[in-house]
Amino acid sequence: MAGAEAVSYLISLTLSPDQADRCLARCPRLTEPHSVPNQRKVVAFLLTELHLSAKALPPLFLRCPQLLAYSVPEKLRPAAECFRALGFTARDLRRAVAQFPGILARSVEEKLCPLLALLQHLGIAEEKCRRVILSCPRLLSYSIDLKMRPLIHFFQTNLPLSPSQVGYMVTRCPQILACNLEKRIVPAIRHLRGIGLSEDRLSNLLLHHPYLLCRSVQKTLEPRTDFLLSLGFTRAEVARIVAEFPPVLTKHVDGDLRPKVAYLEGPMGRSVREVLGFPRFLSFSLARRIIPNHRKLQSRGLGDWTLSQVCRKKA
């Protein structure tokens, strides 16, 4: 009977019968006697205290049905109050819960406080700690000792970076602390070194563009590197392009890089070698900046222009 009552209640929240069954399968505690009254309290808390919309609840419970099993006074409300004390606005909290519903189920003492201590040890100010957690709330689900400290130690010894530099990386890309060291970080650094980046250039690049370490070598970094090599650039030249314009390694090859090169060598009548002098040419919109500016220069009869001139706001 308790299971049927739970299914009925979940359906009343606009979940389908199949979705309700999936929630109960993932969290059998929801089928226990007297579970539904607690579920009603959780829903009331989310609607009236966090001001989530009723429409936002079904996807939330599908991702984290355990949320419905927690005590509002003992778990959810204290967690919410702790985040508010950190400076989270109501909107911040709604956004964090939407990204990672389990954020309210994490122990303040066991998860939040140790994470804050770690971030502050890296020289991250309290206000920026809030932004780090807001940007990547799932950090609260990872082990500090088993996952984050090994990552930090690796950055300090392998690159090497100071604790405050690692902290700067984290503020620019909080997701880096959620990456797998052996499967993602190490291969990415190996690939960047393989391009020919010097250690100084590599450290500086990763300090300011740490998101590159979150990208797959096989799916992202390697195809972009291979494309640049296919244009006739040497590995040393590719390293130079990457050092001056790191986002080139995340640009879509067929939808972004290739059309720009084709326009450069076609209508513009220039050599792709000119990219070496201005790698940021590859960052500008072909349709909104490069083509319109090139046509303006042509209409004035100007032929002796540089790529940087073509990419200016006003050609």
Protein backbone atom coordinates (compact mmCIF):
# COMPACT_ATOMS: atom_id res chain seq x y z
CA MET A 1 0.00 0.00 0.00
CA ALA A 2 2.81 2.41 0.89
CA GLY A 3 4.36 1.88 -2.54
CA ALA A 4 1.06 2.57 -4.29
CA GLU A 5 0.57 5.71 -2.21
CA ALA A 6 4.07 6.91 -3.12
CA VAL A 7 3.44 6.27 -6.83
CA SER A 8 0.16 8.15 -6.62
CA TYR A 9 1.83 11.12 -4.92
CA LEU A 10 4.65 11.29 -7.47
CA ILE A 11 2.13 11.16 -10.30
CA SER A 12 0.33 14.08 -8.65
CA LEU A 13 3.58 16.03 -9.10
CA THR A 14 3.20 15.41 -12.89
CA LEU A 15 5.64 12.51 -13.12
CA SER A 16 4.47 9.72 -15.39
CA PRO A 17 3.77 6.27 -13.85
CA ASP A 18 6.99 4.98 -15.44
CA GLN A 19 8.98 7.90 -14.02
CA ALA A 20 7.43 7.37 -10.58
CA ASP A 21 8.43 3.69 -10.68
CA ARG A 22 11.99 4.65 -11.63
CA CYS A 23 12.21 7.04 -8.70
CA LEU A 24 11.03 4.36 -6.27
CA ALA A 25 13.43 1.80 -7.74
CA ARG A 26 16.34 4.18 -7.20
CA CYS A 27 15.21 5.13 -3.69
CA PRO A 28 13.24 2.28 -2.04
CA ARG A 29 12.96 4.37 1.15
CA LEU A 30 10.19 6.29 -0.58
CA THR A 31 7.98 3.19 -0.36
CA GLU A 32 8.30 2.89 3.41
CA PRO A 33 5.21 3.50 5.59
CA HIS A 34 4.62 7.16 6.43
CA SER A 35 7.09 8.22 3.70
CA VAL A 36 4.57 10.28 1.74
CA PRO A 37 3.99 12.85 4.54
CA ASN A 38 7.74 13.51 4.54
CA GLN A 39 7.70 13.83 0.75
CA ARG A 40 4.96 16.45 1.06
CA LYS A 41 7.12 18.40 3.52
CA VAL A 42 10.09 18.28 1.13
CA VAL A 43 7.95 19.54 -1.74
CA ALA A 44 6.53 22.33 0.43
CA PHE A 45 10.07 23.32 1.46
CA LEU A 46 11.26 23.46 -2.15
CA LEU A 47 8.23 25.47 -3.26
CA THR A 48 7.83 27.90 -0.37
CA GLU A 49 11.33 28.32 1.08
CA LEU A 50 13.54 27.88 -1.99
CA HIS A 51 10.84 29.21 -4.32
CA LEU A 52 11.38 26.57 -6.98
CA SER A 53 8.60 26.35 -9.54
CA ALA A 54 6.30 23.32 -9.56
CA LYS A 55 7.49 22.66 -13.11
CA ALA A 56 11.09 22.33 -11.89
CA LEU A 57 10.33 19.55 -9.40
CA PRO A 58 9.80 16.47 -11.64
CA PRO A 59 13.23 16.66 -13.35
CA LEU A 60 14.77 17.34 -9.94
CA PHE A 61 13.29 14.18 -8.43
CA LEU A 62 14.12 12.10 -11.49
CA ARG A 63 17.77 13.04 -11.09
CA CYS A 64 17.83 12.72 -7.31
CA PRO A 65 14.81 10.88 -5.86
CA GLN A 66 16.69 10.58 -2.55
CA LEU A 67 15.91 14.27 -2.01
CA LEU A 68 12.33 13.30 -1.16
CA ALA A 69 13.51 11.02 1.63
CA TYR A 70 15.49 13.60 3.60
CA SER A 71 14.28 15.41 6.68
CA VAL A 72 13.52 19.08 6.13
CA PRO A 73 14.39 20.28 9.67
CA GLU A 74 17.41 18.00 10.13
CA LYS A 75 19.00 18.04 6.66
CA LEU A 76 17.56 20.30 3.98
CA ARG A 77 16.83 23.51 5.89
CA PRO A 78 20.20 23.58 7.76
CA ALA A 79 22.01 23.06 4.45
CA ALA A 80 20.06 25.88 2.80
CA GLU A 81 20.76 28.18 5.75
CA CYS A 82 24.46 27.38 5.55
CA PHE A 83 24.57 28.29 1.87
CA ARG A 84 22.72 31.53 2.60
CA ALA A 85 25.30 32.33 5.26
CA LEU A 86 27.95 31.93 2.56
CA GLY A 87 26.25 34.64 0.57
CA PHE A 88 24.15 32.49 -1.74
CA THR A 89 21.09 34.42 -2.88
CA ALA A 90 17.75 32.68 -3.33
CA ARG A 91 18.43 32.65 -7.06
CA ASP A 92 21.93 31.19 -6.53
CA LEU A 93 20.50 28.40 -4.41
CA ARG A 94 17.79 27.57 -6.95
CA ARG A 95 20.39 27.46 -9.69
CA ALA A 96 22.71 25.22 -7.66
CA VAL A 97 19.88 22.83 -6.75
CA ALA A 98 18.78 22.67 -10.40
CA GLN A 99 22.33 21.79 -11.49
CA PHE A 100 23.01 19.33 -8.69
CA PRO A 101 19.93 18.39 -6.62
CA GLY A 102 22.04 16.45 -4.16
CA ILE A 103 23.69 19.65 -2.95
CA LEU A 104 21.15 19.96 -0.14
CA ALA A 105 21.73 16.39 0.96
CA ARG A 106 25.47 16.82 1.50
CA SER A 107 26.66 17.04 5.07
CA VAL A 108 27.68 20.56 6.03
CA GLU A 109 30.32 19.23 8.45
CA GLU A 110 31.61 16.40 6.25
CA LYS A 111 31.45 18.04 2.81
CA LEU A 112 30.87 21.78 2.71
CA CYS A 113 33.20 22.90 5.51
CA PRO A 114 36.17 20.79 4.33
CA LEU A 115 35.68 22.00 0.74
CA LEU A 116 35.65 25.63 1.88
CA ALA A 117 38.80 25.03 3.94
CA LEU A 118 40.53 23.51 0.91
CA LEU A 119 39.56 26.40 -1.37
CA GLN A 120 40.68 28.97 1.19
CA HIS A 121 44.00 27.11 1.60
CA LEU A 122 44.50 27.78 -2.12
CA GLY A 123 44.10 31.48 -1.46
CA ILE A 124 40.55 31.74 -2.78
CA ALA A 125 38.57 34.51 -1.07
CA GLU A 126 35.22 33.66 0.52
CA GLU A 127 33.21 35.45 -2.17
CA LYS A 128 35.03 33.51 -4.89
CA CYS A 129 34.51 30.26 -2.96
CA ARG A 130 30.80 30.91 -3.36
CA ARG A 131 31.25 31.35 -7.11
CA VAL A 132 33.31 28.16 -7.37
CA ILE A 133 30.61 26.10 -5.64
CA LEU A 134 27.84 27.80 -7.60
CA SER A 135 29.63 27.11 -10.88
CA CYS A 136 30.25 23.45 -10.04
CA PRO A 137 28.04 22.33 -7.13
CA ARG A 138 28.82 18.68 -7.79
CA LEU A 139 32.24 19.31 -6.21
CA LEU A 140 30.41 18.60 -2.95
CA SER A 141 29.94 15.00 -4.05
CA TYR A 142 33.66 14.25 -4.45
CA SER A 143 36.19 13.11 -1.89
CA ILE A 144 38.68 15.82 -0.99
CA ASP A 145 41.35 13.34 0.08
CA LEU A 146 40.90 10.81 -2.72
CA LYS A 147 40.19 13.17 -5.63
CA MET A 148 40.97 16.84 -5.05
CA ARG A 149 44.19 16.72 -3.04
CA PRO A 150 45.88 14.38 -5.57
CA LEU A 151 44.90 16.80 -8.36
CA ILE A 152 46.27 19.79 -6.47
CA HIS A 153 49.47 17.92 -5.61
CA PHE A 154 49.89 17.00 -9.28
CA PHE A 155 49.51 20.62 -10.41
CA GLN A 156 52.00 21.78 -7.79
CA THR A 157 54.64 19.18 -8.57
CA ASN A 158 54.18 18.50 -12.28
CA LEU A 159 53.69 21.95 -13.78
CA PRO A 160 54.76 23.26 -11.14
CA LEU A 161 52.34 25.83 -9.74
CA SER A 162 52.10 27.46 -6.32
CA PRO A 163 49.01 26.91 -4.15
CA SER A 164 47.70 30.38 -5.04
CA GLN A 165 48.22 29.69 -8.75
CA VAL A 166 46.26 26.46 -8.43
CA GLY A 167 43.59 28.50 -6.65
CA TYR A 168 43.52 30.91 -9.58
CA MET A 169 43.05 27.98 -11.96
CA VAL A 170 40.16 26.71 -9.86
CA THR A 171 38.41 30.10 -9.87
CA ARG A 172 38.67 30.20 -13.66
CA CYS A 173 37.51 26.61 -14.12
CA PRO A 174 36.04 25.00 -10.97
CA GLN A 175 35.25 21.85 -12.98
CA ILE A 176 38.96 21.07 -13.01
CA LEU A 177 38.66 19.68 -9.46
CA ALA A 178 36.05 17.22 -10.73
CA CYS A 179 38.23 15.84 -13.54
CA ASN A 180 39.78 12.39 -13.48
CA LEU A 181 43.52 12.78 -12.97
CA GLU A 182 44.69 9.71 -14.88
CA LYS A 183 42.04 9.63 -17.61
CA ARG A 184 41.70 13.35 -18.37
CA ILE A 185 44.34 15.62 -16.80
CA VAL A 186 47.50 13.58 -17.42
CA PRO A 187 46.66 12.74 -21.08
CA ALA A 188 45.80 16.40 -21.78
CA ILE A 189 49.11 17.64 -20.36
CA ARG A 190 50.97 14.90 -22.21
CA HIS A 191 49.32 16.01 -25.45
CA LEU A 192 50.16 19.68 -24.89
CA ARG A 193 53.77 18.82 -24.14
CA GLY A 194 53.81 16.63 -27.24
CA ILE A 195 52.83 19.62 -29.38
CA GLY A 196 56.09 21.21 -28.30
CA LEU A 197 55.02 23.75 -25.68
CA SER A 198 57.87 24.73 -23.38
CA GLU A 199 57.32 24.21 -19.65
CA ASP A 200 57.01 27.95 -19.05
CA ARG A 201 54.49 28.34 -21.87
CA LEU A 202 52.58 25.28 -20.70
CA SER A 203 52.31 26.54 -17.11
CA ASN A 204 51.21 29.98 -18.26
CA LEU A 205 48.70 28.53 -20.73
CA LEU A 206 47.09 26.25 -18.15
CA LEU A 207 47.07 28.97 -15.51
CA HIS A 208 44.88 31.15 -17.72
CA HIS A 209 43.09 28.48 -19.76
CA PRO A 210 42.66 25.52 -17.36
CA TYR A 211 39.49 24.40 -19.16
CA LEU A 212 41.77 22.74 -21.74
CA LEU A 213 42.54 20.08 -19.14
CA CYS A 214 38.84 19.21 -18.95
CA ARG A 215 38.72 18.35 -22.65
CA SER A 216 39.14 14.88 -24.13
CA VAL A 217 42.38 14.37 -26.01
CA GLN A 218 40.78 12.00 -28.53
CA LYS A 219 37.60 14.01 -29.13
CA THR A 220 38.84 17.58 -28.81
CA LEU A 221 42.55 18.34 -28.48
CA GLU A 222 43.93 15.85 -30.99
CA PRO A 223 41.54 16.62 -33.89
CA ARG A 224 42.27 20.37 -33.63
CA THR A 225 46.01 19.75 -33.46
CA ASP A 226 45.83 17.42 -36.47
CA PHE A 227 43.87 20.04 -38.40
CA LEU A 228 46.54 22.68 -37.81
CA LEU A 229 49.24 20.22 -38.85
CA SER A 230 47.27 19.39 -42.00
CA LEU A 231 47.51 23.07 -43.00
CA GLY A 232 51.27 22.67 -43.29
CA PHE A 233 52.29 24.10 -39.95
CA THR A 234 55.15 22.37 -38.15
CA ARG A 235 54.66 21.15 -34.58
CA ALA A 236 56.72 24.12 -33.37
CA GLU A 237 54.42 26.47 -35.28
CA VAL A 238 51.33 24.75 -33.91
CA ALA A 239 52.79 25.18 -30.41
CA ARG A 240 53.21 28.89 -31.15
CA ILE A 241 49.61 29.23 -32.37
CA VAL A 242 48.28 27.36 -29.32
CA ALA A 243 50.39 29.45 -26.93
CA GLU A 244 49.09 32.71 -28.44
CA PHE A 245 45.49 31.55 -28.88
CA PRO A 246 44.74 28.51 -26.65
CA PRO A 247 40.99 28.40 -27.47
CA VAL A 248 41.94 27.20 -30.96
CA LEU A 249 42.05 23.72 -29.41
CA THR A 250 38.34 23.88 -28.59
CA LYS A 251 37.01 25.42 -31.81
CA HIS A 252 34.85 23.22 -34.03
CA VAL A 253 36.96 22.11 -37.00
CA ASP A 254 34.33 21.80 -39.73
CA GLY A 255 31.95 24.43 -38.39
CA ASP A 256 34.51 27.08 -37.48
CA LEU A 257 38.20 26.64 -38.31
CA ARG A 258 37.96 25.11 -41.78
CA PRO A 259 35.54 27.76 -43.18
CA LYS A 260 37.79 30.57 -41.92
CA VAL A 261 40.85 29.05 -43.54
CA ALA A 262 38.90 28.48 -46.77
CA TYR A 263 37.81 32.13 -46.84
CA LEU A 264 41.33 33.30 -46.01
CA GLU A 265 42.87 31.35 -48.88
CA GLY A 266 39.92 31.88 -51.26
CA PRO A 267 38.15 35.27 -51.39
CA MET A 268 40.82 36.98 -49.28
CA GLY A 269 43.62 35.58 -51.43
CA ARG A 270 45.99 35.22 -48.51
CA SER A 271 48.23 32.43 -47.30
CA VAL A 272 47.31 30.42 -44.24
CA ARG A 273 50.85 31.18 -43.08
CA GLU A 274 49.63 34.64 -42.10
CA VAL A 275 47.77 33.03 -39.20
CA LEU A 276 51.17 32.64 -37.53
CA GLY A 277 51.40 36.41 -37.24
CA PHE A 278 47.88 36.77 -35.84
CA PRO A 279 46.50 33.47 -34.45
CA ARG A 280 43.50 35.30 -32.97
CA PHE A 281 42.18 35.61 -36.52
CA LEU A 282 40.67 32.18 -35.82
CA SER A 283 38.68 33.57 -32.89
CA PHE A 284 36.57 36.08 -34.82
CA SER A 285 33.20 35.39 -36.38
CA LEU A 286 33.44 34.71 -40.09
CA ALA A 287 29.94 35.98 -40.86
CA ARG A 288 29.80 38.92 -38.45
CA ARG A 289 33.37 40.25 -38.53
CA ILE A 290 35.75 38.78 -41.11
CA ILE A 291 33.59 38.78 -44.26
CA PRO A 292 31.93 42.21 -43.68
CA ASN A 293 35.25 43.89 -42.85
CA HIS A 294 37.02 42.25 -45.78
CA ARG A 295 34.33 43.51 -48.15
CA LYS A 296 34.59 47.04 -46.72
CA LEU A 297 38.33 47.05 -47.32
CA GLN A 298 37.79 45.76 -50.85
CA SER A 299 35.20 48.45 -51.57
CA ARG A 300 37.75 51.11 -50.63
CA GLY A 301 40.28 49.60 -52.99
CA LEU A 302 42.57 48.68 -50.13
CA GLY A 303 44.66 45.59 -50.73
CA ASP A 304 47.57 46.07 -48.37
CA TRP A 305 45.92 45.11 -45.09
CA THR A 306 46.78 42.77 -42.25
CA LEU A 307 44.63 40.09 -40.64
CA SER A 308 44.41 42.19 -37.48
CA GLN A 309 42.92 45.04 -39.55
CA VAL A 310 40.30 42.71 -41.00
CA CYS A 311 39.30 41.67 -37.50
CA ARG A 312 38.94 45.14 -36.01
CA LYS A 313 35.51 46.33 -34.91
CA LYS A 314 35.65 49.03 -37.56
CA ALA A 315 37.68 48.12 -40.62
